[in-house]
PDB file of N, CA and C in Angstrom:
ATOM      1  N   MET A   1      47.744  16.784 202.911  1.00  0.00           N
ATOM      2  CA  MET A   1      46.812  15.700 202.644  1.00  0.00           C
ATOM      3  C   MET A   1      47.187  15.048 201.311  1.00  0.00           C
ATOM      4  N   LYS A   2      47.384  13.768 201.334  1.00  0.00           N
ATOM      5  CA  LYS A   2      47.790  13.041 200.138  1.00  0.00           C
ATOM      6  C   LYS A   2      46.594  12.385 199.464  1.00  0.00           C
ATOM      7  N   MET A   3      46.736  12.202 198.148  1.00  0.00           N
ATOM      8  CA  MET A   3      45.722  11.503 197.355  1.00  0.00           C
ATOM      9  C   MET A   3      46.040  10.023 197.319  1.00  0.00           C
ATOM     10  N   THR A   4      44.993   9.228 197.291  1.00  0.00           N
ATOM     11  CA  THR A   4      45.199   7.798 197.060  1.00  0.00           C
ATOM     12  C   THR A   4      45.423   7.596 195.565  1.00  0.00           C
ATOM     13  N   ASP A   5      45.898   6.422 195.195  1.00  0.00           N
ATOM     14  CA  ASP A   5      46.086   6.114 193.782  1.00  0.00           C
ATOM     15  C   ASP A   5      44.770   6.242 193.013  1.00  0.00           C
ATOM     16  N   SER A   6      43.688   5.791 193.596  1.00  0.00           N
ATOM     17  CA  SER A   6      42.377   5.861 192.943  1.00  0.00           C
ATOM     18  C   SER A   6      41.938   7.305 192.745  1.00  0.00           C
ATOM     19  N   GLN A   7      42.176   8.139 193.738  1.00  0.00           N
ATOM     20  CA  GLN A   7      41.813   9.552 193.610  1.00  0.00           C
ATOM     21  C   GLN A   7      42.652  10.229 192.529  1.00  0.00           C
ATOM     22  N   PHE A   8      43.931   9.912 192.479  1.00  0.00           N
ATOM     23  CA  PHE A   8      44.807  10.495 191.469  1.00  0.00           C
ATOM     24  C   PHE A   8      44.380  10.064 190.070  1.00  0.00           C
ATOM     25  N   LYS A   9      44.061   8.788 189.912  1.00  0.00           N
ATOM     26  CA  LYS A   9      43.591   8.296 188.612  1.00  0.00           C
ATOM     27  C   LYS A   9      42.291   8.986 188.204  1.00  0.00           C
ATOM     28  N   GLY A  10      41.407   9.214 189.154  1.00  0.00           N
ATOM     29  CA  GLY A  10      40.169   9.933 188.875  1.00  0.00           C
ATOM     30  C   GLY A  10      40.439  11.351 188.426  1.00  0.00           C
ATOM     31  N   PHE A  11      41.396  12.000 189.052  1.00  0.00           N
ATOM     32  CA  PHE A  11      41.778  13.360 188.675  1.00  0.00           C
ATOM     33  C   PHE A  11      42.340  13.387 187.248  1.00  0.00           C
ATOM     34  N   ILE A  12      43.191  12.404 186.929  1.00  0.00           N
ATOM     35  CA  ILE A  12      43.765  12.320 185.590  1.00  0.00           C
ATOM     36  C   ILE A  12      42.666  12.073 184.554  1.00  0.00           C
ATOM     37  N   ARG A  13      41.702  11.232 184.883  1.00  0.00           N
ATOM     38  CA  ARG A  13      40.572  10.995 183.965  1.00  0.00           C
ATOM     39  C   ARG A  13      39.805  12.291 183.704  1.00  0.00           C
ATOM     40  N   PHE A  14      39.602  13.072 184.749  1.00  0.00           N
ATOM     41  CA  PHE A  14      38.912  14.362 184.613  1.00  0.00           C
ATOM     42  C   PHE A  14      39.673  15.282 183.664  1.00  0.00           C
ATOM     43  N   VAL A  15      40.981  15.373 183.842  1.00  0.00           N
ATOM     44  CA  VAL A  15      41.808  16.241 182.989  1.00  0.00           C
ATOM     45  C   VAL A  15      41.793  15.743 181.549  1.00  0.00           C
ATOM     46  N   LEU A  16      41.948  14.437 181.345  1.00  0.00           N
ATOM     47  CA  LEU A  16      41.927  13.889 179.988  1.00  0.00           C
ATOM     48  C   LEU A  16      40.592  14.132 179.297  1.00  0.00           C
ATOM     49  N   ASP A  17      39.504  13.986 180.028  1.00  0.00           N
ATOM     50  CA  ASP A  17      38.177  14.235 179.472  1.00  0.00           C
ATOM     51  C   ASP A  17      38.026  15.696 179.051  1.00  0.00           C
ATOM     52  N   ALA A  18      38.476  16.593 179.900  1.00  0.00           N
ATOM     53  CA  ALA A  18      38.390  18.021 179.579  1.00  0.00           C
ATOM     54  C   ALA A  18      39.240  18.361 178.360  1.00  0.00           C
ATOM     55  N   LEU A  19      40.426  17.771 178.258  1.00  0.00           N
ATOM     56  CA  LEU A  19      41.299  18.022 177.110  1.00  0.00           C
ATOM     57  C   LEU A  19      40.708  17.429 175.830  1.00  0.00           C
ATOM     58  N   ALA A  20      40.092  16.266 175.915  1.00  0.00           N
ATOM     59  CA  ALA A  20      39.455  15.652 174.743  1.00  0.00           C
ATOM     60  C   ALA A  20      38.305  16.512 174.246  1.00  0.00           C
ATOM     61  N   GLU A  21      37.523  17.060 175.191  1.00  0.00           N
ATOM     62  CA  GLU A  21      36.435  17.970 174.826  1.00  0.00           C
ATOM     63  C   GLU A  21      36.974  19.195 174.113  1.00  0.00           C
ATOM     64  N   MET A  22      38.054  19.727 174.627  1.00  0.00           N
ATOM     65  CA  MET A  22      38.666  20.905 174.031  1.00  0.00           C
ATOM     66  C   MET A  22      39.175  20.573 172.625  1.00  0.00           C
ATOM     67  N   LYS A  23      39.818  19.436 172.461  1.00  0.00           N
ATOM     68  CA  LYS A  23      40.378  19.033 171.178  1.00  0.00           C
ATOM     69  C   LYS A  23      39.287  18.858 170.117  1.00  0.00           C
ATOM     70  N   ALA A  24      38.120  18.382 170.539  1.00  0.00           N
ATOM     71  CA  ALA A  24      37.009  18.134 169.615  1.00  0.00           C
ATOM     72  C   ALA A  24      36.305  19.412 169.161  1.00  0.00           C
ATOM     73  N   GLU A  25      36.563  20.502 169.834  1.00  0.00           N
ATOM     74  CA  GLU A  25      35.910  21.776 169.515  1.00  0.00           C
ATOM     75  C   GLU A  25      36.471  22.332 168.201  1.00  0.00           C
ATOM     76  N   ASP A  26      35.583  22.635 167.257  1.00  0.00           N
ATOM     77  CA  ASP A  26      36.000  23.164 165.955  1.00  0.00           C
ATOM     78  C   ASP A  26      36.244  24.671 165.970  1.00  0.00           C
ATOM     79  N   ASP A  27      35.474  25.380 166.764  1.00  0.00           N
ATOM     80  CA  ASP A  27      35.582  26.842 166.821  1.00  0.00           C
ATOM     81  C   ASP A  27      36.811  27.234 167.654  1.00  0.00           C
ATOM     82  N   PRO A  28      37.785  27.908 167.020  1.00  0.00           N
ATOM     83  CA  PRO A  28      38.999  28.287 167.756  1.00  0.00           C
ATOM     84  C   PRO A  28      38.727  29.137 169.006  1.00  0.00           C
ATOM     85  N   ALA A  29      37.749  30.012 168.943  1.00  0.00           N
ATOM     86  CA  ALA A  29      37.435  30.853 170.103  1.00  0.00           C
ATOM     87  C   ALA A  29      36.902  29.998 171.253  1.00  0.00           C
ATOM     88  N   LYS A  30      36.030  29.052 170.942  1.00  0.00           N
ATOM     89  CA  LYS A  30      35.480  28.165 171.981  1.00  0.00           C
ATOM     90  C   LYS A  30      36.567  27.241 172.521  1.00  0.00           C
ATOM     91  N   ARG A  31      37.464  26.804 171.629  1.00  0.00           N
ATOM     92  CA  ARG A  31      38.575  25.950 172.065  1.00  0.00           C
ATOM     93  C   ARG A  31      39.450  26.707 173.061  1.00  0.00           C
ATOM     94  N   GLU A  32      39.735  27.958 172.753  1.00  0.00           N
ATOM     95  CA  GLU A  32      40.539  28.795 173.648  1.00  0.00           C
ATOM     96  C   GLU A  32      39.832  28.988 174.987  1.00  0.00           C
ATOM     97  N   GLU A  33      38.514  29.187 174.932  1.00  0.00           N
ATOM     98  CA  GLU A  33      37.706  29.344 176.142  1.00  0.00           C
ATOM     99  C   GLU A  33      37.805  28.092 177.026  1.00  0.00           C
ATOM    100  N   LYS A  34      37.703  26.922 176.387  1.00  0.00           N
ATOM    101  CA  LYS A  34      37.781  25.666 177.134  1.00  0.00           C
ATOM    102  C   LYS A  34      39.169  25.477 177.731  1.00  0.00           C
ATOM    103  N   LEU A  35      40.203  25.841 176.976  1.00  0.00           N
ATOM    104  CA  LEU A  35      41.562  25.747 177.492  1.00  0.00           C
ATOM    105  C   LEU A  35      41.738  26.639 178.710  1.00  0.00           C
ATOM    106  N   GLU A  36      41.237  27.855 178.646  1.00  0.00           N
ATOM    107  CA  GLU A  36      41.329  28.777 179.784  1.00  0.00           C
ATOM    108  C   GLU A  36      40.619  28.207 181.009  1.00  0.00           C
ATOM    109  N   LYS A  37      39.469  27.562 180.773  1.00  0.00           N
ATOM    110  CA  LYS A  37      38.717  26.976 181.887  1.00  0.00           C
ATOM    111  C   LYS A  37      39.502  25.818 182.517  1.00  0.00           C
ATOM    112  N   ILE A  38      40.093  24.968 181.683  1.00  0.00           N
ATOM    113  CA  ILE A  38      40.897  23.855 182.195  1.00  0.00           C
ATOM    114  C   ILE A  38      42.059  24.389 183.023  1.00  0.00           C
ATOM    115  N   MET A  39      42.735  25.397 182.489  1.00  0.00           N
ATOM    116  CA  MET A  39      43.877  25.976 183.194  1.00  0.00           C
ATOM    117  C   MET A  39      43.451  26.601 184.523  1.00  0.00           C
ATOM    118  N   ALA A  40      42.326  27.289 184.536  1.00  0.00           N
ATOM    119  CA  ALA A  40      41.832  27.899 185.771  1.00  0.00           C
ATOM    120  C   ALA A  40      41.499  26.827 186.807  1.00  0.00           C
ATOM    121  N   ASN A  41      40.872  25.743 186.360  1.00  0.00           N
ATOM    122  CA  ASN A  41      40.534  24.653 187.282  1.00  0.00           C
ATOM    123  C   ASN A  41      41.786  24.000 187.855  1.00  0.00           C
ATOM    124  N   LEU A  42      42.799  23.815 187.011  1.00  0.00           N
ATOM    125  CA  LEU A  42      44.048  23.235 187.507  1.00  0.00           C
ATOM    126  C   LEU A  42      44.734  24.168 188.507  1.00  0.00           C
ATOM    127  N   GLN A  43      44.694  25.467 188.243  1.00  0.00           N
ATOM    128  CA  GLN A  43      45.302  26.442 189.154  1.00  0.00           C
ATOM    129  C   GLN A  43      44.583  26.417 190.501  1.00  0.00           C
ATOM    130  N   LYS A  44      43.236  26.354 190.465  1.00  0.00           N
ATOM    131  CA  LYS A  44      42.466  26.283 191.711  1.00  0.00           C
ATOM    132  C   LYS A  44      42.828  25.030 192.489  1.00  0.00           C
ATOM    133  N   THR A  45      43.032  23.926 191.777  1.00  0.00           N
ATOM    134  CA  THR A  45      43.406  22.677 192.439  1.00  0.00           C
ATOM    135  C   THR A  45      44.736  22.818 193.148  1.00  0.00           C
ATOM    136  N   LEU A  46      45.680  23.487 192.509  1.00  0.00           N
ATOM    137  CA  LEU A  46      46.991  23.708 193.133  1.00  0.00           C
ATOM    138  C   LEU A  46      46.891  24.576 194.388  1.00  0.00           C
ATOM    139  N   GLU A  47      45.950  25.513 194.389  1.00  0.00           N
ATOM    140  CA  GLU A  47      45.821  26.452 195.505  1.00  0.00           C
ATOM    141  C   GLU A  47      45.048  25.870 196.682  1.00  0.00           C
ATOM    142  N   ASP A  48      44.311  24.800 196.460  1.00  0.00           N
ATOM    143  CA  ASP A  48      43.518  24.178 197.541  1.00  0.00           C
ATOM    144  C   ASP A  48      44.390  23.448 198.524  1.00  0.00           C
TER     145      ASP A  48
END
């Protein structure tokens, strides 16, 4: 199943938003937690 251009752009927006949230986090432990969550979500996307 292929993504349309609009769906792909939406996915990229989601990833950029999550990364921006992570970057804004001052607490290194919370930043690491957010990074792990982003990575887990991306892995789940690959497995779907």
